[in-house]
Every structure is written in C-alpha cells, then in structure tokens.
Amino acid sequence: MDSSRSSKALLVVDVQNDFCPGGALGIRDGSRIIPVLNRYIDFFTKERLPVIVTRDWHPEITRHFQQFGGVWPVHCVQDSFGAQFHPELKLPEGVLVMSKGMDPEEDSYSAFQATDSSEILLADLLKGLGVARIYIGGLATDYCVKYSALDALKMGLDVHILNDAIAGVNLQPEDSSLAMEEMVRSGAKKMYLKIFLDMSER
C-alpha cells in the first residue's frame, strides 16, 4: 500500500438495527443509505484502504437513556439485537470495529470517543495508519456523524461527508441541514458517490 493510498480511510458511523426503521430509535431513512454505503465500502476494500465502523455499545444503565435522566429511549445495549450492525451492511473481513458509549456518565456521540477491542482510541488508530483524509457516512447526521466530523477537523484531518450516505434523527425538522451547515462551515467537504468514483478513476 503506497502512502497516498494509506492516507485515506472510510468511517461508517453507527449503522445498527436500533437506528434503522423498526428499531428503538429508528431513523426514517436509516436503511436507505445502506446500498450507497456498501458501494463506498466495496471501493475502499478493493483498494486496500482502511474501513472503520463504529457502534453505540451502551450498558443497560446509563445517563444517556431517558429513564436515567438522558434524552434517548433505550437503544444499542451491549450484545442486544438492536446493537448489531444492520444485516444488509456488507462489512469486509478484517473491518476495524470501534465501540463507544460504554461510560454510563457520557453520551459519547463522537467516533473519537470510541475504542477498539484493545482500547485504542480512534485518533491513535488513524495516526498509526497514517490517515490524513477521512470519508464519513452513517447515522445520524445531526448527532454522531456531526460530532465525529467536528472532532476529525479539530485533529487537522481532511474531512469529506458522504452526503448520499447519511441520514438524521431530526428531533427538529431542520436539525440535519443545520448540522451539515455547521460541518461545512468548520471545514468539511460534501461528497457524493458519483463524484467520488469519478475522482478515483483519474
């Protein structure tokens, strides 16, 4: 893998059963983005570029949930069906899985609060891989995607939001559009599959 290739990574955020239609915190368009995400995953896999996926991995008792003072209904409890990745998401062999939300005192929206099975933080993992540019898709635009993108920008990474592979919770109707505006204003770039593939063929 040459340096120009290893400098890119795909980050797929929280495409779990509970965030898709029918789940405890189902996002209306949550499963519609999966075929597009799979195209991105396929490209990165074939090019031997890192594919990193995050998951909410909450304990049963956490301040993140409404019954303990938080905003959200119970979702993505460790080892539950709802916490599993959506079955239509085609994850490659050797995919890097990062878990977040284990601390019962934290919301942990950002992927940069996630660790792998060896408790290595995402920032350290990316640094070890030599990643300078990150492409982010998944759920949800107005929470975990937004906070992950903003943290990536603070790290000095070149951030591209996969605009056709994200969907938002939208507690308020404009939440996703406002989140996108904030990400772009902070330095992120919008990306679409056709543009990505066209650029990659050059």
N, C-alpha and C. Protein backbone atom coordinates (compact mmCIF):
# COMPACT_ATOMS: atom_id res chain seq x y z
N MET A 1 0.86 -1.18 0.00
CA MET A 1 0.00 0.00 0.00
C MET A 1 0.89 1.24 0.00
N ASP A 2 0.77 2.10 -1.00
CA ASP A 2 1.61 3.28 -1.04
C ASP A 2 1.04 4.35 -0.11
N SER A 3 1.85 5.41 0.14
CA SER A 3 1.46 6.41 1.14
C SER A 3 0.20 7.16 0.74
N SER A 4 -0.01 7.40 -0.56
CA SER A 4 -1.20 8.14 -0.98
C SER A 4 -2.46 7.32 -0.74
N ARG A 5 -2.33 6.00 -0.83
CA ARG A 5 -3.48 5.15 -0.58
C ARG A 5 -3.76 5.03 0.92
N SER A 6 -2.71 4.81 1.71
CA SER A 6 -2.91 4.60 3.12
C SER A 6 -3.34 5.87 3.84
N SER A 7 -3.27 7.01 3.16
CA SER A 7 -3.63 8.27 3.81
C SER A 7 -5.14 8.48 3.85
N LYS A 8 -5.92 7.57 3.25
CA LYS A 8 -7.38 7.70 3.22
C LYS A 8 -8.03 6.59 4.02
N ALA A 9 -9.17 6.91 4.65
CA ALA A 9 -9.94 5.88 5.37
C ALA A 9 -11.42 6.20 5.26
N LEU A 10 -12.22 5.15 5.34
CA LEU A 10 -13.68 5.28 5.37
C LEU A 10 -14.15 5.04 6.79
N LEU A 11 -14.98 5.95 7.30
CA LEU A 11 -15.56 5.81 8.63
C LEU A 11 -17.07 5.66 8.49
N VAL A 12 -17.59 4.50 8.87
CA VAL A 12 -19.03 4.21 8.81
C VAL A 12 -19.57 4.27 10.24
N VAL A 13 -20.46 5.21 10.49
CA VAL A 13 -20.89 5.52 11.85
C VAL A 13 -22.24 4.87 12.17
N ASP A 14 -22.25 3.96 13.12
CA ASP A 14 -23.45 3.50 13.85
C ASP A 14 -24.61 3.01 12.98
N VAL A 15 -24.33 2.21 11.97
CA VAL A 15 -25.41 1.66 11.15
C VAL A 15 -25.89 0.37 11.83
N GLN A 16 -26.66 0.57 12.88
CA GLN A 16 -27.11 -0.52 13.76
C GLN A 16 -28.62 -0.67 13.69
N ASN A 17 -29.09 -1.84 14.07
CA ASN A 17 -30.53 -2.13 13.95
C ASN A 17 -31.40 -1.11 14.67
N ASP A 18 -30.99 -0.67 15.83
CA ASP A 18 -31.82 0.26 16.59
C ASP A 18 -31.94 1.63 15.95
N PHE A 19 -31.03 1.97 15.05
CA PHE A 19 -31.10 3.27 14.38
C PHE A 19 -31.77 3.19 13.01
N CYS A 20 -32.19 2.01 12.62
CA CYS A 20 -32.86 1.83 11.34
C CYS A 20 -34.35 1.61 11.56
N PRO A 21 -35.19 1.76 10.52
CA PRO A 21 -36.63 1.60 10.70
C PRO A 21 -36.99 0.32 11.44
N GLY A 22 -37.87 0.45 12.43
CA GLY A 22 -38.26 -0.68 13.26
C GLY A 22 -37.45 -0.80 14.54
N GLY A 23 -36.36 -0.04 14.63
CA GLY A 23 -35.51 -0.10 15.81
C GLY A 23 -36.00 0.83 16.90
N ALA A 24 -35.37 0.74 18.05
CA ALA A 24 -35.79 1.52 19.22
C ALA A 24 -35.69 3.02 18.99
N LEU A 25 -34.76 3.41 18.14
CA LEU A 25 -34.56 4.82 17.81
C LEU A 25 -34.44 4.94 16.29
N GLY A 26 -35.40 4.33 15.60
CA GLY A 26 -35.33 4.19 14.15
C GLY A 26 -35.37 5.52 13.42
N ILE A 27 -34.42 5.71 12.50
CA ILE A 27 -34.36 6.88 11.63
C ILE A 27 -35.07 6.53 10.32
N ARG A 28 -35.95 7.40 9.89
CA ARG A 28 -36.83 7.09 8.76
C ARG A 28 -36.05 6.60 7.54
N ASP A 29 -34.97 7.26 7.19
CA ASP A 29 -34.19 6.88 6.02
C ASP A 29 -32.94 6.07 6.39
N GLY A 30 -32.93 5.53 7.60
CA GLY A 30 -31.73 4.87 8.08
C GLY A 30 -31.25 3.72 7.22
N SER A 31 -32.17 2.91 6.73
CA SER A 31 -31.75 1.76 5.92
C SER A 31 -31.57 2.11 4.45
N ARG A 32 -32.10 3.23 4.02
CA ARG A 32 -31.98 3.61 2.60
C ARG A 32 -30.55 3.96 2.21
N ILE A 33 -29.76 4.38 3.18
CA ILE A 33 -28.39 4.77 2.85
C ILE A 33 -27.47 3.56 2.71
N ILE A 34 -27.92 2.38 3.12
CA ILE A 34 -27.03 1.22 3.18
C ILE A 34 -26.50 0.80 1.81
N PRO A 35 -27.33 0.72 0.75
CA PRO A 35 -26.75 0.35 -0.55
C PRO A 35 -25.65 1.29 -1.02
N VAL A 36 -25.78 2.58 -0.73
CA VAL A 36 -24.74 3.54 -1.12
C VAL A 36 -23.50 3.33 -0.26
N LEU A 37 -23.71 3.17 1.03
CA LEU A 37 -22.57 2.87 1.91
C LEU A 37 -21.82 1.62 1.44
N ASN A 38 -22.56 0.62 1.02
CA ASN A 38 -21.93 -0.62 0.56
C ASN A 38 -21.04 -0.38 -0.66
N ARG A 39 -21.43 0.56 -1.50
CA ARG A 39 -20.60 0.90 -2.67
C ARG A 39 -19.29 1.53 -2.21
N TYR A 40 -19.38 2.43 -1.26
CA TYR A 40 -18.15 3.03 -0.71
C TYR A 40 -17.28 1.96 -0.04
N ILE A 41 -17.92 1.10 0.76
CA ILE A 41 -17.18 0.04 1.45
C ILE A 41 -16.47 -0.86 0.44
N ASP A 42 -17.17 -1.22 -0.62
CA ASP A 42 -16.59 -2.09 -1.65
C ASP A 42 -15.36 -1.43 -2.29
N PHE A 43 -15.47 -0.14 -2.57
CA PHE A 43 -14.34 0.56 -3.19
C PHE A 43 -13.13 0.56 -2.25
N PHE A 44 -13.34 0.97 -1.01
CA PHE A 44 -12.22 1.05 -0.07
C PHE A 44 -11.61 -0.33 0.17
N THR A 45 -12.45 -1.36 0.22
CA THR A 45 -11.94 -2.71 0.43
C THR A 45 -11.07 -3.16 -0.74
N LYS A 46 -11.56 -2.94 -1.96
CA LYS A 46 -10.79 -3.34 -3.14
C LYS A 46 -9.48 -2.59 -3.27
N GLU A 47 -9.47 -1.34 -2.79
CA GLU A 47 -8.26 -0.53 -2.87
C GLU A 47 -7.34 -0.74 -1.65
N ARG A 48 -7.73 -1.66 -0.78
CA ARG A 48 -6.96 -1.97 0.44
C ARG A 48 -6.79 -0.74 1.33
N LEU A 49 -7.83 0.05 1.39
CA LEU A 49 -7.87 1.22 2.26
C LEU A 49 -8.65 0.87 3.53
N PRO A 50 -8.31 1.48 4.65
CA PRO A 50 -8.97 1.13 5.91
C PRO A 50 -10.48 1.42 5.88
N VAL A 51 -11.25 0.46 6.36
CA VAL A 51 -12.69 0.64 6.60
C VAL A 51 -12.90 0.49 8.10
N ILE A 52 -13.40 1.56 8.71
CA ILE A 52 -13.61 1.59 10.15
C ILE A 52 -15.10 1.79 10.42
N VAL A 53 -15.67 0.97 11.29
CA VAL A 53 -17.09 1.13 11.64
C VAL A 53 -17.20 1.37 13.14
N THR A 54 -18.11 2.27 13.51
CA THR A 54 -18.36 2.50 14.92
C THR A 54 -19.74 1.96 15.29
N ARG A 55 -19.89 1.72 16.58
CA ARG A 55 -21.18 1.27 17.09
C ARG A 55 -21.40 1.86 18.48
N ASP A 56 -22.66 2.25 18.75
CA ASP A 56 -23.06 2.53 20.12
C ASP A 56 -23.07 1.19 20.86
N TRP A 57 -22.56 1.18 22.07
CA TRP A 57 -22.39 -0.07 22.81
C TRP A 57 -22.65 0.22 24.28
N HIS A 58 -23.92 0.58 24.55
CA HIS A 58 -24.28 1.12 25.84
C HIS A 58 -24.50 0.03 26.90
N PRO A 59 -24.17 0.33 28.15
CA PRO A 59 -24.60 -0.54 29.24
C PRO A 59 -26.10 -0.38 29.47
N GLU A 60 -26.69 -1.26 30.23
CA GLU A 60 -28.13 -1.19 30.48
C GLU A 60 -28.51 0.05 31.28
N ILE A 61 -27.62 0.48 32.15
CA ILE A 61 -27.86 1.67 32.97
C ILE A 61 -26.87 2.75 32.56
N THR A 62 -27.39 3.84 32.01
CA THR A 62 -26.55 4.94 31.57
C THR A 62 -27.35 6.23 31.56
N ARG A 63 -26.70 7.33 31.88
CA ARG A 63 -27.36 8.63 31.86
C ARG A 63 -27.77 9.05 30.46
N HIS A 64 -27.36 8.31 29.46
CA HIS A 64 -27.74 8.58 28.07
C HIS A 64 -29.22 8.29 27.84
N PHE A 65 -29.82 7.40 28.63
CA PHE A 65 -31.21 6.97 28.44
C PHE A 65 -32.17 7.82 29.26
N GLN A 66 -33.38 7.96 28.73
CA GLN A 66 -34.40 8.80 29.36
C GLN A 66 -34.66 8.40 30.81
N GLN A 67 -34.74 7.11 31.08
CA GLN A 67 -35.12 6.68 32.42
C GLN A 67 -34.07 6.99 33.47
N PHE A 68 -32.86 7.38 33.01
CA PHE A 68 -31.79 7.75 33.94
C PHE A 68 -31.38 9.22 33.76
N GLY A 69 -32.29 10.01 33.16
CA GLY A 69 -32.06 11.44 33.04
C GLY A 69 -31.60 11.94 31.69
N GLY A 70 -31.46 11.04 30.70
CA GLY A 70 -30.98 11.45 29.39
C GLY A 70 -32.10 11.81 28.42
N VAL A 71 -31.75 11.93 27.15
CA VAL A 71 -32.68 12.36 26.11
C VAL A 71 -33.32 11.18 25.40
N TRP A 72 -32.64 10.03 25.36
CA TRP A 72 -32.98 8.99 24.39
C TRP A 72 -33.65 7.78 25.03
N PRO A 73 -34.51 7.10 24.26
CA PRO A 73 -35.02 5.80 24.71
C PRO A 73 -33.88 4.77 24.74
N VAL A 74 -34.12 3.68 25.42
CA VAL A 74 -33.11 2.62 25.50
C VAL A 74 -32.79 2.12 24.09
N HIS A 75 -31.51 2.06 23.75
CA HIS A 75 -31.10 1.60 22.42
C HIS A 75 -29.66 1.08 22.47
N CYS A 76 -29.35 0.19 21.54
CA CYS A 76 -27.99 -0.30 21.33
C CYS A 76 -27.31 -0.76 22.63
N VAL A 77 -28.07 -1.51 23.43
CA VAL A 77 -27.50 -2.09 24.65
C VAL A 77 -26.55 -3.22 24.24
N GLN A 78 -25.43 -3.29 24.91
CA GLN A 78 -24.38 -4.27 24.58
C GLN A 78 -24.95 -5.68 24.41
N ASP A 79 -24.56 -6.30 23.28
CA ASP A 79 -24.90 -7.69 22.95
C ASP A 79 -26.38 -7.89 22.62
N SER A 80 -27.15 -6.82 22.48
CA SER A 80 -28.56 -6.95 22.08
C SER A 80 -28.68 -6.98 20.56
N PHE A 81 -29.85 -7.42 20.09
CA PHE A 81 -30.11 -7.40 18.65
C PHE A 81 -30.04 -5.98 18.11
N GLY A 82 -30.57 -5.03 18.86
CA GLY A 82 -30.57 -3.65 18.41
C GLY A 82 -29.19 -3.06 18.23
N ALA A 83 -28.22 -3.58 18.96
CA ALA A 83 -26.85 -3.08 18.87
C ALA A 83 -26.08 -3.69 17.70
N GLN A 84 -26.62 -4.74 17.09
CA GLN A 84 -25.93 -5.38 15.96
C GLN A 84 -25.94 -4.47 14.74
N PHE A 85 -24.93 -4.61 13.90
CA PHE A 85 -24.93 -3.89 12.64
C PHE A 85 -26.09 -4.38 11.77
N HIS A 86 -26.65 -3.47 10.98
CA HIS A 86 -27.76 -3.85 10.11
C HIS A 86 -27.33 -5.00 9.20
N PRO A 87 -28.16 -6.01 9.04
CA PRO A 87 -27.73 -7.20 8.28
C PRO A 87 -27.42 -6.92 6.81
N GLU A 88 -27.94 -5.83 6.25
CA GLU A 88 -27.66 -5.52 4.85
C GLU A 88 -26.36 -4.75 4.66
N LEU A 89 -25.75 -4.31 5.76
CA LEU A 89 -24.46 -3.63 5.67
C LEU A 89 -23.38 -4.67 5.41
N LYS A 90 -22.68 -4.54 4.30
CA LYS A 90 -21.72 -5.56 3.87
C LYS A 90 -20.32 -5.18 4.35
N LEU A 91 -20.01 -5.63 5.54
CA LEU A 91 -18.72 -5.31 6.13
C LEU A 91 -17.66 -6.32 5.68
N PRO A 92 -16.49 -5.84 5.32
CA PRO A 92 -15.45 -6.74 4.83
C PRO A 92 -14.78 -7.51 5.96
N GLU A 93 -14.13 -8.59 5.60
CA GLU A 93 -13.32 -9.31 6.56
C GLU A 93 -12.21 -8.41 7.06
N GLY A 94 -11.99 -8.41 8.35
CA GLY A 94 -10.93 -7.58 8.90
C GLY A 94 -11.33 -6.13 9.14
N VAL A 95 -12.62 -5.82 9.02
CA VAL A 95 -13.07 -4.46 9.28
C VAL A 95 -12.71 -4.06 10.71
N LEU A 96 -12.37 -2.80 10.89
CA LEU A 96 -11.98 -2.29 12.20
C LEU A 96 -13.22 -1.79 12.93
N VAL A 97 -13.59 -2.45 14.01
CA VAL A 97 -14.81 -2.11 14.76
C VAL A 97 -14.42 -1.31 16.01
N MET A 98 -15.05 -0.15 16.15
CA MET A 98 -14.80 0.73 17.28
C MET A 98 -16.10 0.90 18.07
N SER A 99 -16.04 0.80 19.38
CA SER A 99 -17.22 0.89 20.24
C SER A 99 -17.17 2.15 21.09
N LYS A 100 -18.36 2.74 21.29
CA LYS A 100 -18.45 3.95 22.11
C LYS A 100 -19.74 3.90 22.94
N GLY A 101 -19.81 4.79 23.92
CA GLY A 101 -21.00 4.85 24.76
C GLY A 101 -20.97 3.90 25.94
N MET A 102 -19.82 3.33 26.25
CA MET A 102 -19.73 2.38 27.37
C MET A 102 -19.71 3.07 28.73
N ASP A 103 -19.25 4.31 28.76
CA ASP A 103 -19.20 5.06 30.01
C ASP A 103 -20.61 5.51 30.39
N PRO A 104 -21.16 5.07 31.50
CA PRO A 104 -22.54 5.41 31.85
C PRO A 104 -22.74 6.89 32.18
N GLU A 105 -21.66 7.64 32.27
CA GLU A 105 -21.75 9.07 32.58
C GLU A 105 -21.61 9.95 31.34
N GLU A 106 -21.41 9.36 30.18
CA GLU A 106 -21.15 10.13 28.96
C GLU A 106 -22.13 9.76 27.85
N ASP A 107 -22.47 10.76 27.00
CA ASP A 107 -23.28 10.49 25.81
C ASP A 107 -22.45 9.84 24.71
N SER A 108 -21.21 10.30 24.53
CA SER A 108 -20.27 9.70 23.56
C SER A 108 -20.84 9.67 22.15
N TYR A 109 -21.19 10.83 21.63
CA TYR A 109 -21.67 10.91 20.25
C TYR A 109 -20.55 10.73 19.23
N SER A 110 -19.37 11.23 19.53
CA SER A 110 -18.29 11.25 18.55
C SER A 110 -17.58 9.90 18.43
N ALA A 111 -17.25 9.55 17.19
CA ALA A 111 -16.44 8.35 16.95
C ALA A 111 -15.08 8.46 17.62
N PHE A 112 -14.65 9.67 17.90
CA PHE A 112 -13.33 9.85 18.51
C PHE A 112 -13.35 9.57 20.01
N GLN A 113 -14.50 9.19 20.53
CA GLN A 113 -14.60 8.65 21.89
C GLN A 113 -14.64 7.12 21.87
N ALA A 114 -14.54 6.54 20.68
CA ALA A 114 -14.63 5.09 20.52
C ALA A 114 -13.25 4.44 20.63
N THR A 115 -13.27 3.18 21.06
CA THR A 115 -12.04 2.39 21.14
C THR A 115 -12.25 1.05 20.46
N ASP A 116 -11.14 0.43 20.07
CA ASP A 116 -11.23 -0.92 19.53
C ASP A 116 -11.16 -1.93 20.67
N SER A 117 -11.06 -3.20 20.35
CA SER A 117 -11.08 -4.25 21.38
C SER A 117 -9.86 -4.19 22.30
N SER A 118 -8.81 -3.48 21.86
CA SER A 118 -7.62 -3.30 22.69
C SER A 118 -7.61 -1.95 23.39
N GLU A 119 -8.76 -1.27 23.35
CA GLU A 119 -8.94 0.04 23.98
C GLU A 119 -8.06 1.12 23.36
N ILE A 120 -7.77 0.96 22.08
CA ILE A 120 -7.06 2.00 21.34
C ILE A 120 -8.08 2.99 20.80
N LEU A 121 -7.87 4.28 21.06
CA LEU A 121 -8.78 5.31 20.60
C LEU A 121 -8.69 5.49 19.08
N LEU A 122 -9.79 5.95 18.49
CA LEU A 122 -9.81 6.14 17.04
C LEU A 122 -8.70 7.08 16.57
N ALA A 123 -8.47 8.17 17.30
CA ALA A 123 -7.43 9.11 16.89
C ALA A 123 -6.07 8.43 16.80
N ASP A 124 -5.76 7.58 17.77
CA ASP A 124 -4.48 6.88 17.76
C ASP A 124 -4.42 5.83 16.64
N LEU A 125 -5.57 5.20 16.39
CA LEU A 125 -5.62 4.22 15.30
C LEU A 125 -5.35 4.90 13.96
N LEU A 126 -6.01 6.02 13.72
CA LEU A 126 -5.82 6.75 12.45
C LEU A 126 -4.38 7.22 12.31
N LYS A 127 -3.82 7.69 13.40
CA LYS A 127 -2.43 8.16 13.35
C LYS A 127 -1.50 7.01 12.99
N GLY A 128 -1.75 5.84 13.58
CA GLY A 128 -0.92 4.68 13.28
C GLY A 128 -1.04 4.21 11.84
N LEU A 129 -2.21 4.43 11.25
CA LEU A 129 -2.44 4.05 9.85
C LEU A 129 -1.96 5.12 8.87
N GLY A 130 -1.56 6.26 9.39
CA GLY A 130 -1.11 7.35 8.52
C GLY A 130 -2.24 8.05 7.79
N VAL A 131 -3.44 8.05 8.38
CA VAL A 131 -4.61 8.62 7.70
C VAL A 131 -4.61 10.14 7.84
N ALA A 132 -4.75 10.81 6.71
CA ALA A 132 -4.85 12.27 6.67
C ALA A 132 -6.21 12.73 6.16
N ARG A 133 -6.89 11.86 5.41
CA ARG A 133 -8.20 12.19 4.84
C ARG A 133 -9.20 11.12 5.22
N ILE A 134 -10.37 11.56 5.72
CA ILE A 134 -11.38 10.61 6.17
C ILE A 134 -12.71 10.92 5.52
N TYR A 135 -13.38 9.86 5.07
CA TYR A 135 -14.70 9.95 4.45
C TYR A 135 -15.70 9.37 5.44
N ILE A 136 -16.73 10.16 5.79
CA ILE A 136 -17.65 9.78 6.86
C ILE A 136 -19.07 9.62 6.34
N GLY A 137 -19.67 8.46 6.62
CA GLY A 137 -21.07 8.22 6.34
C GLY A 137 -21.71 7.51 7.51
N GLY A 138 -23.04 7.37 7.47
CA GLY A 138 -23.72 6.62 8.52
C GLY A 138 -24.78 7.42 9.24
N LEU A 139 -24.97 7.10 10.52
CA LEU A 139 -26.08 7.62 11.31
C LEU A 139 -25.56 8.18 12.65
N ALA A 140 -26.07 9.28 13.08
CA ALA A 140 -27.04 10.11 12.41
C ALA A 140 -26.38 11.45 12.08
N THR A 141 -26.84 12.07 10.99
CA THR A 141 -26.26 13.32 10.52
C THR A 141 -26.12 14.35 11.63
N ASP A 142 -27.18 14.50 12.41
CA ASP A 142 -27.26 15.59 13.38
C ASP A 142 -26.68 15.25 14.74
N TYR A 143 -26.14 14.06 14.90
CA TYR A 143 -25.51 13.70 16.17
C TYR A 143 -24.15 13.06 15.94
N CYS A 144 -24.10 11.75 15.79
CA CYS A 144 -22.80 11.07 15.78
C CYS A 144 -21.96 11.40 14.54
N VAL A 145 -22.60 11.58 13.39
CA VAL A 145 -21.83 11.99 12.21
C VAL A 145 -21.27 13.39 12.41
N LYS A 146 -22.12 14.31 12.88
CA LYS A 146 -21.68 15.70 13.09
C LYS A 146 -20.53 15.78 14.09
N TYR A 147 -20.71 15.18 15.25
CA TYR A 147 -19.68 15.29 16.28
C TYR A 147 -18.38 14.59 15.86
N SER A 148 -18.50 13.50 15.11
CA SER A 148 -17.31 12.82 14.61
C SER A 148 -16.57 13.70 13.61
N ALA A 149 -17.31 14.33 12.72
CA ALA A 149 -16.70 15.21 11.72
C ALA A 149 -16.01 16.40 12.37
N LEU A 150 -16.68 17.02 13.34
CA LEU A 150 -16.10 18.18 14.00
C LEU A 150 -14.83 17.81 14.76
N ASP A 151 -14.82 16.65 15.41
CA ASP A 151 -13.61 16.21 16.11
C ASP A 151 -12.49 15.88 15.12
N ALA A 152 -12.85 15.29 13.98
CA ALA A 152 -11.84 14.98 12.96
C ALA A 152 -11.20 16.27 12.44
N LEU A 153 -12.00 17.30 12.25
CA LEU A 153 -11.48 18.58 11.79
C LEU A 153 -10.55 19.20 12.83
N LYS A 154 -10.91 19.07 14.10
CA LYS A 154 -10.05 19.60 15.17
C LYS A 154 -8.70 18.90 15.18
N MET A 155 -8.68 17.65 14.72
CA MET A 155 -7.42 16.90 14.64
C MET A 155 -6.58 17.30 13.44
N GLY A 156 -7.16 18.10 12.55
CA GLY A 156 -6.44 18.50 11.35
C GLY A 156 -6.64 17.57 10.17
N LEU A 157 -7.61 16.67 10.26
CA LEU A 157 -7.88 15.76 9.15
C LEU A 157 -8.66 16.46 8.05
N ASP A 158 -8.47 16.01 6.83
CA ASP A 158 -9.26 16.45 5.68
C ASP A 158 -10.54 15.62 5.69
N VAL A 159 -11.68 16.26 5.93
CA VAL A 159 -12.93 15.55 6.19
C VAL A 159 -13.91 15.70 5.02
N HIS A 160 -14.40 14.56 4.54
CA HIS A 160 -15.41 14.53 3.48
C HIS A 160 -16.65 13.82 4.01
N ILE A 161 -17.79 14.49 3.94
CA ILE A 161 -19.06 13.92 4.39
C ILE A 161 -19.75 13.29 3.20
N LEU A 162 -20.09 12.02 3.31
CA LEU A 162 -20.75 11.29 2.22
C LEU A 162 -22.24 11.65 2.24
N ASN A 163 -22.58 12.69 1.50
CA ASN A 163 -23.89 13.31 1.63
C ASN A 163 -25.04 12.40 1.19
N ASP A 164 -24.74 11.42 0.35
CA ASP A 164 -25.77 10.47 -0.08
C ASP A 164 -25.76 9.20 0.77
N ALA A 165 -24.99 9.21 1.86
CA ALA A 165 -24.88 8.02 2.71
C ALA A 165 -24.99 8.40 4.18
N ILE A 166 -25.83 9.41 4.47
CA ILE A 166 -26.11 9.82 5.84
C ILE A 166 -27.60 10.08 5.98
N ALA A 167 -28.10 10.00 7.20
CA ALA A 167 -29.50 10.33 7.50
C ALA A 167 -29.56 10.79 8.94
N GLY A 168 -30.54 11.67 9.24
CA GLY A 168 -30.59 12.28 10.54
C GLY A 168 -31.80 11.91 11.37
N VAL A 169 -31.67 12.10 12.68
CA VAL A 169 -32.77 11.87 13.61
C VAL A 169 -33.84 12.94 13.44
N ASN A 170 -33.40 14.21 13.41
CA ASN A 170 -34.29 15.35 13.22
C ASN A 170 -35.36 15.46 14.31
N LEU A 171 -34.91 15.61 15.54
CA LEU A 171 -35.86 15.94 16.61
C LEU A 171 -36.58 17.23 16.27
N GLN A 172 -35.87 18.15 15.63
CA GLN A 172 -36.45 19.33 14.99
C GLN A 172 -36.22 19.19 13.49
N PRO A 173 -37.19 19.63 12.66
CA PRO A 173 -37.11 19.35 11.21
C PRO A 173 -35.82 19.80 10.53
N GLU A 174 -35.20 20.86 11.03
CA GLU A 174 -34.02 21.41 10.36
C GLU A 174 -32.70 20.90 10.93
N ASP A 175 -32.76 19.96 11.86
CA ASP A 175 -31.54 19.57 12.56
C ASP A 175 -30.44 19.06 11.63
N SER A 176 -30.80 18.23 10.66
CA SER A 176 -29.78 17.67 9.77
C SER A 176 -29.17 18.73 8.86
N SER A 177 -30.01 19.61 8.32
CA SER A 177 -29.48 20.66 7.44
C SER A 177 -28.61 21.63 8.24
N LEU A 178 -28.98 21.93 9.47
CA LEU A 178 -28.16 22.79 10.31
C LEU A 178 -26.84 22.10 10.66
N ALA A 179 -26.90 20.80 10.90
CA ALA A 179 -25.68 20.04 11.19
C ALA A 179 -24.73 20.06 9.99
N MET A 180 -25.27 19.88 8.80
CA MET A 180 -24.44 19.91 7.61
C MET A 180 -23.82 21.29 7.42
N GLU A 181 -24.59 22.33 7.64
CA GLU A 181 -24.06 23.68 7.53
C GLU A 181 -22.90 23.89 8.51
N GLU A 182 -23.07 23.40 9.73
CA GLU A 182 -22.01 23.55 10.73
C GLU A 182 -20.76 22.79 10.33
N MET A 183 -20.92 21.57 9.82
CA MET A 183 -19.76 20.79 9.39
C MET A 183 -19.01 21.47 8.25
N VAL A 184 -19.75 21.96 7.27
CA VAL A 184 -19.12 22.62 6.13
C VAL A 184 -18.47 23.93 6.56
N ARG A 185 -19.15 24.68 7.40
CA ARG A 185 -18.59 25.94 7.90
C ARG A 185 -17.28 25.69 8.67
N SER A 186 -17.19 24.54 9.30
CA SER A 186 -15.99 24.21 10.08
C SER A 186 -14.88 23.64 9.22
N GLY A 187 -15.17 23.36 7.93
CA GLY A 187 -14.12 22.91 7.02
C GLY A 187 -14.35 21.59 6.32
N ALA A 188 -15.45 20.88 6.63
CA ALA A 188 -15.74 19.61 5.95
C ALA A 188 -16.22 19.88 4.52
N LYS A 189 -16.03 18.88 3.67
CA LYS A 189 -16.47 18.97 2.28
C LYS A 189 -17.55 17.93 2.03
N LYS A 190 -18.53 18.28 1.21
CA LYS A 190 -19.56 17.32 0.83
C LYS A 190 -19.03 16.42 -0.28
N MET A 191 -19.43 15.15 -0.23
CA MET A 191 -19.03 14.19 -1.25
C MET A 191 -20.23 13.34 -1.63
N TYR A 192 -20.30 12.96 -2.91
CA TYR A 192 -21.35 12.10 -3.42
C TYR A 192 -20.69 10.94 -4.16
N LEU A 193 -21.37 9.81 -4.20
CA LEU A 193 -20.77 8.59 -4.75
C LEU A 193 -20.26 8.80 -6.17
N LYS A 194 -21.07 9.39 -7.05
CA LYS A 194 -20.66 9.56 -8.45
C LYS A 194 -19.40 10.41 -8.54
N ILE A 195 -19.36 11.50 -7.78
CA ILE A 195 -18.18 12.37 -7.79
C ILE A 195 -16.98 11.61 -7.25
N PHE A 196 -17.18 10.87 -6.17
CA PHE A 196 -16.10 10.10 -5.57
C PHE A 196 -15.50 9.10 -6.57
N LEU A 197 -16.39 8.35 -7.24
CA LEU A 197 -15.92 7.35 -8.19
C LEU A 197 -15.23 8.01 -9.40
N ASP A 198 -15.80 9.13 -9.87
CA ASP A 198 -15.18 9.83 -10.99
C ASP A 198 -13.79 10.32 -10.62
N MET A 199 -13.65 10.88 -9.42
CA MET A 199 -12.34 11.35 -8.96
C MET A 199 -11.35 10.21 -8.83
N SER A 200 -11.84 9.07 -8.36
CA SER A 200 -10.96 7.93 -8.12
C SER A 200 -10.45 7.30 -9.39
N GLU A 201 -11.13 7.53 -10.52
CA GLU A 201 -10.72 6.95 -11.79
C GLU A 201 -9.67 7.79 -12.48
N ARG A 202 -9.44 9.00 -12.00
CA ARG A 202 -8.47 9.87 -12.64
C ARG A 202 -7.04 9.44 -12.38
